[in-house]
Amino acid sequence: PSLLAARSSVQQQILGRLRGNLEFLKETVRRHDAFRSLEVEGGWYAILRVPRIRTEEEWTLKLLDRGVLVQPGYFYDFESEAYLVISLLTPEATFQEGIQTVVTID
């Protein structure tokens, strides 16, 4: 019962982080024409369309080498490339650093 009673506080913290990270992603993508954030319909993931200058696997491995963990779209059966699936639950500072790395990677 005590855990259920505390849920409102936890839910608000999670919701605040999700909204903040999604807003940061949208603002960042607006400044980088080669990237596009798909509309979020629910859950705590965002989908980012990235330039097809490399495969999704190349994107994920290159980002992993720089300490950024994302999932390739093919994990989710996207029919075409190139998409990255990004967790919006990531702590804000880490999320912002990771998204900056995504949009500025060479």
C-alpha atoms as a PDB file:
ATOM      1  CA  PRO A   1       0.000   0.000   0.000  1.00  0.00           C
ATOM      2  CA  SER A   2       2.802   2.482   0.723  1.00  0.00           C
ATOM      3  CA  LEU A   3       4.292   1.988  -2.734  1.00  0.00           C
ATOM      4  CA  LEU A   4       0.947   2.599  -4.371  1.00  0.00           C
ATOM      5  CA  ALA A   5       0.455   5.698  -2.259  1.00  0.00           C
ATOM      6  CA  ALA A   6       3.805   7.077  -3.473  1.00  0.00           C
ATOM      7  CA  ARG A   7       3.073   6.455  -7.137  1.00  0.00           C
ATOM      8  CA  SER A   8       1.819   9.959  -7.869  1.00  0.00           C
ATOM      9  CA  SER A   9       5.149  11.523  -6.963  1.00  0.00           C
ATOM     10  CA  VAL A  10       7.106   8.991  -9.000  1.00  0.00           C
ATOM     11  CA  GLN A  11       4.757   9.304 -11.962  1.00  0.00           C
ATOM     12  CA  GLN A  12       5.167  13.091 -11.955  1.00  0.00           C
ATOM     13  CA  GLN A  13       8.966  12.773 -11.888  1.00  0.00           C
ATOM     14  CA  ILE A  14       8.931  10.343 -14.801  1.00  0.00           C
ATOM     15  CA  LEU A  15       6.475  12.442 -16.782  1.00  0.00           C
ATOM     16  CA  GLY A  16       8.549  15.574 -16.195  1.00  0.00           C
ATOM     17  CA  ARG A  17      11.694  13.878 -17.444  1.00  0.00           C
ATOM     18  CA  LEU A  18       9.926  12.456 -20.499  1.00  0.00           C
ATOM     19  CA  ARG A  19       8.465  15.823 -21.449  1.00  0.00           C
ATOM     20  CA  GLY A  20      11.713  17.699 -20.868  1.00  0.00           C
ATOM     21  CA  ASN A  21      13.788  15.272 -22.913  1.00  0.00           C
ATOM     22  CA  LEU A  22      11.244  15.179 -25.723  1.00  0.00           C
ATOM     23  CA  GLU A  23      11.148  18.975 -25.881  1.00  0.00           C
ATOM     24  CA  PHE A  24      14.955  19.122 -25.966  1.00  0.00           C
ATOM     25  CA  LEU A  25      14.984  16.555 -28.787  1.00  0.00           C
ATOM     26  CA  LYS A  26      12.414  18.499 -30.808  1.00  0.00           C
ATOM     27  CA  GLU A  27      14.234  21.806 -30.330  1.00  0.00           C
ATOM     28  CA  THR A  28      17.561  20.267 -31.304  1.00  0.00           C
ATOM     29  CA  VAL A  29      16.140  18.556 -34.387  1.00  0.00           C
ATOM     30  CA  ARG A  30      14.577  21.842 -35.547  1.00  0.00           C
ATOM     31  CA  ARG A  31      18.103  23.252 -35.832  1.00  0.00           C
ATOM     32  CA  HIS A  32      19.418  20.288 -37.842  1.00  0.00           C
ATOM     33  CA  ASP A  33      17.540  19.772 -41.105  1.00  0.00           C
ATOM     34  CA  ALA A  34      19.048  16.344 -41.789  1.00  0.00           C
ATOM     35  CA  PHE A  35      17.274  14.877 -38.739  1.00  0.00           C
ATOM     36  CA  ARG A  36      13.593  14.421 -37.989  1.00  0.00           C
ATOM     37  CA  SER A  37      11.823  13.326 -34.834  1.00  0.00           C
ATOM     38  CA  LEU A  38       8.725  11.222 -35.431  1.00  0.00           C
ATOM     39  CA  GLU A  39       5.578  12.037 -33.506  1.00  0.00           C
ATOM     40  CA  VAL A  40       5.460  10.263 -30.160  1.00  0.00           C
ATOM     41  CA  GLU A  41       2.220   8.363 -29.689  1.00  0.00           C
ATOM     42  CA  GLY A  42       2.950   6.973 -26.225  1.00  0.00           C
ATOM     43  CA  GLY A  43       5.582   5.235 -24.171  1.00  0.00           C
ATOM     44  CA  TRP A  44       8.980   6.585 -23.280  1.00  0.00           C
ATOM     45  CA  TYR A  45      10.894   6.243 -26.501  1.00  0.00           C
ATOM     46  CA  ALA A  46      11.456   8.707 -29.301  1.00  0.00           C
ATOM     47  CA  ILE A  47      12.202   7.746 -32.871  1.00  0.00           C
ATOM     48  CA  LEU A  48      14.719   9.810 -34.760  1.00  0.00           C
ATOM     49  CA  ARG A  49      15.101   9.673 -38.510  1.00  0.00           C
ATOM     50  CA  VAL A  50      18.785  10.142 -39.267  1.00  0.00           C
ATOM     51  CA  PRO A  51      20.563  10.772 -42.567  1.00  0.00           C
ATOM     52  CA  ARG A  52      21.156   7.679 -44.676  1.00  0.00           C
ATOM     53  CA  ILE A  53      24.876   8.408 -44.859  1.00  0.00           C
ATOM     54  CA  ARG A  54      25.427   5.180 -42.935  1.00  0.00           C
ATOM     55  CA  THR A  55      23.351   2.161 -41.969  1.00  0.00           C
ATOM     56  CA  GLU A  56      21.494   2.002 -38.674  1.00  0.00           C
ATOM     57  CA  GLU A  57      24.073  -0.463 -37.424  1.00  0.00           C
ATOM     58  CA  GLU A  58      26.897   1.909 -38.375  1.00  0.00           C
ATOM     59  CA  TRP A  59      25.072   4.752 -36.612  1.00  0.00           C
ATOM     60  CA  THR A  60      24.585   2.740 -33.431  1.00  0.00           C
ATOM     61  CA  LEU A  61      28.172   1.445 -33.347  1.00  0.00           C
ATOM     62  CA  LYS A  62      29.670   4.866 -34.064  1.00  0.00           C
ATOM     63  CA  LEU A  63      27.558   6.408 -31.319  1.00  0.00           C
ATOM     64  CA  LEU A  64      28.385   3.565 -28.931  1.00  0.00           C
ATOM     65  CA  ASP A  65      32.089   4.305 -29.483  1.00  0.00           C
ATOM     66  CA  ARG A  66      31.307   7.803 -28.186  1.00  0.00           C
ATOM     67  CA  GLY A  67      29.353   6.552 -25.179  1.00  0.00           C
ATOM     68  CA  VAL A  68      25.859   7.071 -26.608  1.00  0.00           C
ATOM     69  CA  LEU A  69      23.493   4.104 -26.478  1.00  0.00           C
ATOM     70  CA  VAL A  70      20.635   4.009 -28.986  1.00  0.00           C
ATOM     71  CA  GLN A  71      18.783   1.186 -30.696  1.00  0.00           C
ATOM     72  CA  PRO A  72      18.600   0.740 -34.455  1.00  0.00           C
ATOM     73  CA  GLY A  73      15.188   0.919 -36.078  1.00  0.00           C
ATOM     74  CA  TYR A  74      15.510  -2.609 -37.422  1.00  0.00           C
ATOM     75  CA  PHE A  75      15.076  -3.881 -33.836  1.00  0.00           C
ATOM     76  CA  TYR A  76      11.516  -2.591 -34.223  1.00  0.00           C
ATOM     77  CA  ASP A  77      10.906  -3.823 -37.773  1.00  0.00           C
ATOM     78  CA  PHE A  78      11.059  -0.471 -39.522  1.00  0.00           C
ATOM     79  CA  GLU A  79      10.729  -1.166 -43.211  1.00  0.00           C
ATOM     80  CA  SER A  80      13.414   1.290 -44.272  1.00  0.00           C
ATOM     81  CA  GLU A  81      16.527   2.954 -42.911  1.00  0.00           C
ATOM     82  CA  ALA A  82      17.659   4.979 -41.096  1.00  0.00           C
ATOM     83  CA  TYR A  83      15.959   5.313 -37.726  1.00  0.00           C
ATOM     84  CA  LEU A  84      17.275   5.352 -34.186  1.00  0.00           C
ATOM     85  CA  VAL A  85      15.162   4.584 -31.128  1.00  0.00           C
ATOM     86  CA  ILE A  86      16.066   6.716 -28.126  1.00  0.00           C
ATOM     87  CA  SER A  87      14.977   6.359 -24.507  1.00  0.00           C
ATOM     88  CA  LEU A  88      13.369   9.473 -23.061  1.00  0.00           C
ATOM     89  CA  LEU A  89      13.915   8.106 -19.531  1.00  0.00           C
ATOM     90  CA  THR A  90      17.593   8.981 -19.625  1.00  0.00           C
ATOM     91  CA  PRO A  91      18.644  11.602 -17.043  1.00  0.00           C
ATOM     92  CA  GLU A  92      18.338  15.053 -18.621  1.00  0.00           C
ATOM     93  CA  ALA A  93      22.025  16.037 -18.733  1.00  0.00           C
ATOM     94  CA  THR A  94      23.028  12.661 -20.185  1.00  0.00           C
ATOM     95  CA  PHE A  95      20.185  12.809 -22.712  1.00  0.00           C
ATOM     96  CA  GLN A  96      21.150  16.287 -23.882  1.00  0.00           C
ATOM     97  CA  GLU A  97      24.801  15.335 -24.268  1.00  0.00           C
ATOM     98  CA  GLY A  98      23.829  12.219 -26.214  1.00  0.00           C
ATOM     99  CA  ILE A  99      21.492  14.056 -28.586  1.00  0.00           C
ATOM    100  CA  GLN A 100      24.158  16.700 -29.243  1.00  0.00           C
ATOM    101  CA  THR A 101      26.535  13.867 -30.132  1.00  0.00           C
ATOM    102  CA  VAL A 102      23.974  12.316 -32.494  1.00  0.00           C
ATOM    103  CA  VAL A 103      23.374  15.510 -34.469  1.00  0.00           C
ATOM    104  CA  THR A 104      27.047  16.519 -34.664  1.00  0.00           C
ATOM    105  CA  ILE A 105      28.745  13.178 -35.261  1.00  0.00           C
ATOM    106  CA  ASP A 106      31.029  13.124 -38.291  1.00  0.00           C
END
